[in-house]
Amino acid sequence: MTKLILFNKPFRVLSQFTDEDGRQTLADYLDAPKCRAAGRLDFDSEGLLVLTDNGQLQQQIANPRHKLWKTYLVQVLSLIHISEP
């Protein structure tokens, strides 16, 4: 049976299970070594991440050639720094 995990990835966590630089990864939150992310979120973003142990399903979701429609809700925070001479 296919395992499907919906995970709310925190800010500054990699969308993978290992990292040579010692940053936090999915392994710090999940015990699902056979699962892979179907897509990814950047290190400094947060939100829903879909993981599965079914390689075919993972490819159907993540590979652009399948043209699976996805909708993202994005909030951008911007800091403006003005320095005076």
N, C-alpha and C. Protein backbone atom coordinates (compact mmCIF):
# COMPACT_ATOMS: atom_id res chain seq x y z
N MET A 1 0.84 -1.18 0.00
CA MET A 1 0.00 0.00 0.00
C MET A 1 0.89 1.24 0.00
N THR A 2 0.50 2.23 -0.76
CA THR A 2 1.26 3.47 -0.86
C THR A 2 1.14 4.30 0.41
N LYS A 3 2.27 4.80 0.89
CA LYS A 3 2.28 5.70 2.04
C LYS A 3 2.30 7.12 1.51
N LEU A 4 1.44 7.97 2.05
CA LEU A 4 1.35 9.37 1.66
C LEU A 4 1.39 10.21 2.94
N ILE A 5 2.32 11.15 2.99
CA ILE A 5 2.48 12.00 4.18
C ILE A 5 2.32 13.45 3.75
N LEU A 6 1.48 14.17 4.45
CA LEU A 6 1.34 15.62 4.27
C LEU A 6 2.02 16.26 5.46
N PHE A 7 3.05 17.05 5.19
CA PHE A 7 3.88 17.60 6.25
C PHE A 7 3.98 19.11 6.10
N ASN A 8 3.74 19.83 7.18
CA ASN A 8 3.87 21.28 7.17
C ASN A 8 5.34 21.62 7.46
N LYS A 9 6.12 21.80 6.39
CA LYS A 9 7.55 22.03 6.53
C LYS A 9 7.81 23.37 7.18
N PRO A 10 8.58 23.37 8.27
CA PRO A 10 8.91 24.63 8.92
C PRO A 10 9.95 25.43 8.13
N PHE A 11 10.04 26.70 8.44
CA PHE A 11 11.04 27.62 7.91
C PHE A 11 12.44 27.10 8.24
N ARG A 12 13.37 27.21 7.30
CA ARG A 12 14.78 26.84 7.46
C ARG A 12 14.97 25.34 7.75
N VAL A 13 14.20 24.52 7.04
CA VAL A 13 14.35 23.07 7.05
C VAL A 13 14.44 22.63 5.59
N LEU A 14 15.41 21.76 5.28
CA LEU A 14 15.56 21.28 3.91
C LEU A 14 14.46 20.28 3.57
N SER A 15 14.05 20.26 2.31
CA SER A 15 13.03 19.32 1.83
C SER A 15 13.66 17.99 1.43
N GLN A 16 14.58 17.50 2.23
CA GLN A 16 15.26 16.23 2.01
C GLN A 16 15.63 15.65 3.37
N PHE A 17 16.12 14.42 3.38
CA PHE A 17 16.38 13.74 4.64
C PHE A 17 17.83 13.83 5.12
N THR A 18 18.74 14.30 4.29
CA THR A 18 20.14 14.41 4.70
C THR A 18 20.71 15.75 4.27
N ASP A 19 21.76 16.17 4.97
CA ASP A 19 22.47 17.39 4.60
C ASP A 19 23.89 17.32 5.15
N GLU A 20 24.85 17.49 4.28
CA GLU A 20 26.26 17.43 4.68
C GLU A 20 26.68 18.66 5.49
N ASP A 21 25.91 19.74 5.41
CA ASP A 21 26.26 20.97 6.12
C ASP A 21 25.63 21.08 7.51
N GLY A 22 24.91 20.05 7.93
CA GLY A 22 24.35 20.03 9.28
C GLY A 22 23.08 20.83 9.49
N ARG A 23 22.45 21.27 8.40
CA ARG A 23 21.18 22.00 8.53
C ARG A 23 20.06 21.03 8.87
N GLN A 24 18.96 21.55 9.42
CA GLN A 24 17.81 20.70 9.73
C GLN A 24 17.22 20.14 8.45
N THR A 25 16.78 18.90 8.52
CA THR A 25 16.16 18.22 7.38
C THR A 25 14.85 17.58 7.82
N LEU A 26 14.19 16.92 6.89
CA LEU A 26 12.96 16.21 7.21
C LEU A 26 13.19 15.12 8.25
N ALA A 27 14.40 14.56 8.28
CA ALA A 27 14.72 13.50 9.25
C ALA A 27 14.64 13.99 10.69
N ASP A 28 14.75 15.31 10.90
CA ASP A 28 14.61 15.84 12.25
C ASP A 28 13.15 15.84 12.71
N TYR A 29 12.22 15.61 11.79
CA TYR A 29 10.79 15.66 12.11
C TYR A 29 10.04 14.37 11.79
N LEU A 30 10.54 13.61 10.80
CA LEU A 30 9.80 12.43 10.33
C LEU A 30 10.68 11.19 10.35
N ASP A 31 10.08 10.06 10.69
CA ASP A 31 10.75 8.77 10.55
C ASP A 31 10.10 8.05 9.37
N ALA A 32 10.52 8.43 8.18
CA ALA A 32 9.95 7.88 6.95
C ALA A 32 11.06 7.73 5.91
N PRO A 33 12.04 6.85 6.18
CA PRO A 33 13.23 6.77 5.32
C PRO A 33 12.96 6.35 3.88
N LYS A 34 11.85 5.68 3.62
CA LYS A 34 11.55 5.24 2.25
C LYS A 34 10.74 6.27 1.47
N CYS A 35 10.34 7.34 2.12
CA CYS A 35 9.53 8.37 1.45
C CYS A 35 10.42 9.45 0.84
N ARG A 36 9.93 10.02 -0.24
CA ARG A 36 10.60 11.13 -0.91
C ARG A 36 9.59 12.23 -1.14
N ALA A 37 10.07 13.46 -1.14
CA ALA A 37 9.20 14.61 -1.38
C ALA A 37 8.76 14.64 -2.84
N ALA A 38 7.49 14.90 -3.04
CA ALA A 38 6.94 15.08 -4.39
C ALA A 38 6.93 16.57 -4.65
N GLY A 39 8.08 17.10 -5.06
CA GLY A 39 8.28 18.53 -5.18
C GLY A 39 9.15 18.97 -4.01
N ARG A 40 9.30 20.26 -3.88
CA ARG A 40 10.11 20.74 -2.77
C ARG A 40 9.74 22.18 -2.44
N LEU A 41 10.11 22.56 -1.24
CA LEU A 41 10.00 23.94 -0.81
C LEU A 41 11.41 24.41 -0.49
N ASP A 42 11.72 25.64 -0.79
CA ASP A 42 13.04 26.18 -0.51
C ASP A 42 13.33 26.14 0.99
N PHE A 43 14.62 26.15 1.32
CA PHE A 43 15.09 26.11 2.70
C PHE A 43 14.43 27.20 3.55
N ASP A 44 14.36 28.41 3.02
CA ASP A 44 13.79 29.50 3.80
C ASP A 44 12.34 29.82 3.42
N SER A 45 11.57 28.75 3.17
CA SER A 45 10.13 28.89 3.01
C SER A 45 9.47 27.81 3.87
N GLU A 46 8.19 27.95 4.07
CA GLU A 46 7.45 26.97 4.87
C GLU A 46 6.14 26.66 4.17
N GLY A 47 5.57 25.50 4.49
CA GLY A 47 4.28 25.14 3.91
C GLY A 47 4.13 23.64 3.73
N LEU A 48 3.05 23.28 3.03
CA LEU A 48 2.69 21.88 2.85
C LEU A 48 3.65 21.19 1.89
N LEU A 49 4.16 20.06 2.32
CA LEU A 49 5.05 19.23 1.52
C LEU A 49 4.42 17.84 1.46
N VAL A 50 4.30 17.28 0.26
CA VAL A 50 3.74 15.95 0.06
C VAL A 50 4.89 14.96 -0.09
N LEU A 51 4.86 13.90 0.70
CA LEU A 51 5.88 12.85 0.61
C LEU A 51 5.19 11.52 0.35
N THR A 52 5.88 10.64 -0.40
CA THR A 52 5.32 9.32 -0.68
C THR A 52 6.44 8.30 -0.84
N ASP A 53 6.11 7.04 -0.63
CA ASP A 53 7.06 5.96 -0.88
C ASP A 53 6.81 5.31 -2.24
N ASN A 54 5.90 5.87 -3.01
CA ASN A 54 5.56 5.36 -4.34
C ASN A 54 6.26 6.24 -5.39
N GLY A 55 7.32 5.70 -5.99
CA GLY A 55 8.11 6.45 -6.96
C GLY A 55 7.30 6.94 -8.15
N GLN A 56 6.38 6.13 -8.64
CA GLN A 56 5.56 6.53 -9.78
C GLN A 56 4.66 7.71 -9.41
N LEU A 57 4.04 7.69 -8.24
CA LEU A 57 3.21 8.80 -7.78
C LEU A 57 4.06 10.04 -7.58
N GLN A 58 5.24 9.88 -7.00
CA GLN A 58 6.14 11.01 -6.78
C GLN A 58 6.47 11.68 -8.10
N GLN A 59 6.75 10.90 -9.14
CA GLN A 59 7.06 11.45 -10.46
C GLN A 59 5.84 12.13 -11.09
N GLN A 60 4.66 11.56 -10.93
CA GLN A 60 3.45 12.17 -11.48
C GLN A 60 3.19 13.54 -10.87
N ILE A 61 3.51 13.69 -9.59
CA ILE A 61 3.29 14.96 -8.91
C ILE A 61 4.41 15.95 -9.23
N ALA A 62 5.66 15.50 -9.22
CA ALA A 62 6.80 16.41 -9.27
C ALA A 62 7.33 16.70 -10.67
N ASN A 63 7.25 15.76 -11.59
CA ASN A 63 7.85 15.94 -12.90
C ASN A 63 7.02 16.86 -13.78
N PRO A 64 7.63 17.94 -14.29
CA PRO A 64 6.88 18.91 -15.10
C PRO A 64 6.27 18.33 -16.37
N ARG A 65 6.79 17.24 -16.88
CA ARG A 65 6.22 16.69 -18.12
C ARG A 65 4.80 16.16 -17.94
N HIS A 66 4.40 15.90 -16.69
CA HIS A 66 3.04 15.43 -16.43
C HIS A 66 2.05 16.59 -16.35
N LYS A 67 2.55 17.81 -16.27
CA LYS A 67 1.71 19.02 -16.28
C LYS A 67 0.59 18.98 -15.25
N LEU A 68 0.92 18.50 -14.05
CA LEU A 68 -0.06 18.49 -12.97
C LEU A 68 -0.24 19.91 -12.44
N TRP A 69 -1.45 20.40 -12.45
CA TRP A 69 -1.77 21.76 -12.02
C TRP A 69 -1.58 21.87 -10.52
N LYS A 70 -0.87 22.91 -10.10
CA LYS A 70 -0.66 23.17 -8.67
C LYS A 70 -0.99 24.62 -8.39
N THR A 71 -1.52 24.87 -7.21
CA THR A 71 -1.84 26.24 -6.80
C THR A 71 -1.05 26.55 -5.55
N TYR A 72 -0.40 27.71 -5.54
CA TYR A 72 0.39 28.14 -4.39
C TYR A 72 -0.15 29.45 -3.85
N LEU A 73 -0.22 29.55 -2.56
CA LEU A 73 -0.56 30.80 -1.90
C LEU A 73 0.74 31.31 -1.29
N VAL A 74 1.14 32.50 -1.70
CA VAL A 74 2.45 33.01 -1.30
C VAL A 74 2.29 34.33 -0.57
N GLN A 75 3.04 34.46 0.50
CA GLN A 75 3.13 35.73 1.22
C GLN A 75 4.60 36.12 1.21
N VAL A 76 4.89 37.30 0.70
CA VAL A 76 6.27 37.75 0.60
C VAL A 76 6.50 38.86 1.63
N LEU A 77 7.54 38.67 2.40
CA LEU A 77 7.92 39.69 3.37
C LEU A 77 9.17 40.37 2.83
N SER A 78 9.17 41.68 2.84
CA SER A 78 10.29 42.41 2.28
C SER A 78 10.81 43.41 3.29
N LEU A 79 12.10 43.47 3.41
CA LEU A 79 12.74 44.44 4.26
C LEU A 79 13.48 45.42 3.37
N ILE A 80 13.28 46.68 3.60
CA ILE A 80 13.95 47.70 2.82
C ILE A 80 14.92 48.41 3.75
N HIS A 81 16.16 48.44 3.33
CA HIS A 81 17.18 49.09 4.12
C HIS A 81 17.68 50.31 3.33
N ILE A 82 17.55 51.45 3.93
CA ILE A 82 18.04 52.67 3.30
C ILE A 82 19.18 53.20 4.14
N SER A 83 20.32 53.32 3.52
CA SER A 83 21.46 53.87 4.26
C SER A 83 21.75 55.27 3.74
N GLU A 84 22.10 56.11 4.64
CA GLU A 84 22.44 57.48 4.29
C GLU A 84 23.94 57.61 4.16
N PRO A 85 24.41 58.47 3.23
CA PRO A 85 25.86 58.64 3.04
C PRO A 85 26.54 59.23 4.25
